[in-house]
Amino acid sequence: MAGSGEQLELLGTSGCHLCEQAEEILQALQAAGCTFSYEVVDIADDDVLFERYGLLIPVLRSGSEELHWPFEEAGLLALVGPPV
């Protein structure tokens, strides 16, 4: 679990409406009190990431854990941690 201020990666690319929705969900969780931070990683800037995730984005990563779209509430909270 990545909660307690751990850094997450949101893999996506510009112009991806699902990636924008995923970021809105993360922002709403932060506003609700979940204590995590995230970095948006554009897979178009990395051939390896593009090859691996091109058809899967958005993907939320924490270390070796991955959550694929559509994010289910239980899986998302397990990854980011509950609100405090």
Protein backbone atom coordinates (compact mmCIF):
# COMPACT_ATOMS: atom_id res chain seq x y z
CA MET A 1 0.00 0.00 0.00
CA ALA A 2 1.31 3.42 -0.93
CA GLY A 3 -0.48 5.61 1.59
CA SER A 4 1.23 7.78 4.19
CA GLY A 5 2.82 10.18 1.77
CA GLU A 6 4.29 7.64 -0.64
CA GLN A 7 4.83 8.72 -4.26
CA LEU A 8 2.66 7.12 -6.94
CA GLU A 9 3.01 7.28 -10.71
CA LEU A 10 0.03 7.87 -12.98
CA LEU A 11 1.01 6.57 -16.39
CA GLY A 12 -0.78 8.18 -19.29
CA THR A 13 -0.30 10.55 -22.19
CA SER A 14 -1.55 13.96 -23.24
CA GLY A 15 -4.94 14.02 -24.91
CA CYS A 16 -6.10 10.84 -23.14
CA HIS A 17 -9.53 11.58 -21.65
CA LEU A 18 -9.39 8.47 -19.44
CA CYS A 19 -6.07 9.68 -18.04
CA GLU A 20 -7.69 13.03 -17.24
CA GLN A 21 -10.53 11.21 -15.46
CA ALA A 22 -8.01 9.16 -13.49
CA GLU A 23 -6.21 12.32 -12.38
CA GLU A 24 -9.52 13.88 -11.30
CA ILE A 25 -10.20 10.80 -9.15
CA LEU A 26 -6.76 11.09 -7.52
CA GLN A 27 -7.30 14.79 -6.83
CA ALA A 28 -10.70 14.03 -5.26
CA LEU A 29 -9.11 11.39 -3.00
CA GLN A 30 -6.47 13.89 -1.89
CA ALA A 31 -9.20 16.46 -1.18
CA ALA A 32 -11.00 13.81 0.90
CA GLY A 33 -7.92 13.36 3.08
CA CYS A 34 -5.93 10.54 1.50
CA THR A 35 -2.25 11.27 2.07
CA PHE A 36 -0.36 10.36 -1.06
CA SER A 37 1.36 12.24 -3.82
CA TYR A 38 1.60 11.31 -7.45
CA GLU A 39 3.55 12.17 -10.54
CA VAL A 40 2.03 12.08 -14.01
CA VAL A 41 4.34 10.14 -16.33
CA ASP A 42 3.81 10.60 -20.08
CA ILE A 43 4.51 7.21 -21.63
CA ALA A 44 5.01 8.85 -25.04
CA ASP A 45 8.38 10.09 -23.73
CA ASP A 46 9.67 6.56 -23.04
CA ASP A 47 9.69 3.80 -25.67
CA VAL A 48 9.75 1.02 -23.04
CA LEU A 49 6.77 2.45 -21.14
CA PHE A 50 4.89 3.08 -24.40
CA GLU A 51 5.45 -0.50 -25.55
CA ARG A 52 4.32 -1.94 -22.22
CA TYR A 53 1.42 0.38 -21.33
CA GLY A 54 0.28 1.92 -24.63
CA LEU A 55 -3.01 0.01 -24.68
CA LEU A 56 -3.50 -0.07 -20.90
CA ILE A 57 -3.38 3.59 -19.82
CA PRO A 58 -4.20 5.03 -17.46
CA VAL A 59 -2.22 2.90 -15.00
CA LEU A 60 -1.46 3.81 -11.40
CA ARG A 61 1.84 2.41 -10.09
CA SER A 62 3.35 2.14 -6.64
CA GLY A 63 6.61 0.23 -6.69
CA SER A 64 5.77 -3.16 -8.20
CA GLU A 65 2.00 -2.77 -7.66
CA GLU A 66 -0.15 -1.65 -10.59
CA LEU A 67 -3.78 -0.67 -10.85
CA HIS A 68 -5.29 -0.68 -14.32
CA TRP A 69 -8.24 1.35 -15.59
CA PRO A 70 -11.06 1.35 -14.75
CA PHE A 71 -10.00 1.92 -11.14
CA GLU A 72 -12.29 0.16 -8.67
CA GLU A 73 -12.74 1.90 -5.34
CA ALA A 74 -11.45 -1.01 -3.23
CA GLY A 75 -8.32 -1.46 -5.32
CA LEU A 76 -7.65 2.25 -5.42
CA LEU A 77 -7.99 2.67 -1.66
CA ALA A 78 -5.79 -0.38 -1.11
CA LEU A 79 -3.10 1.32 -3.19
CA VAL A 80 -3.36 4.91 -1.90
CA GLY A 81 -4.50 4.27 1.66
CA PRO A 82 -7.68 5.45 3.41
CA PRO A 83 -8.46 9.09 4.19
CA VAL A 84 -7.15 10.35 7.52
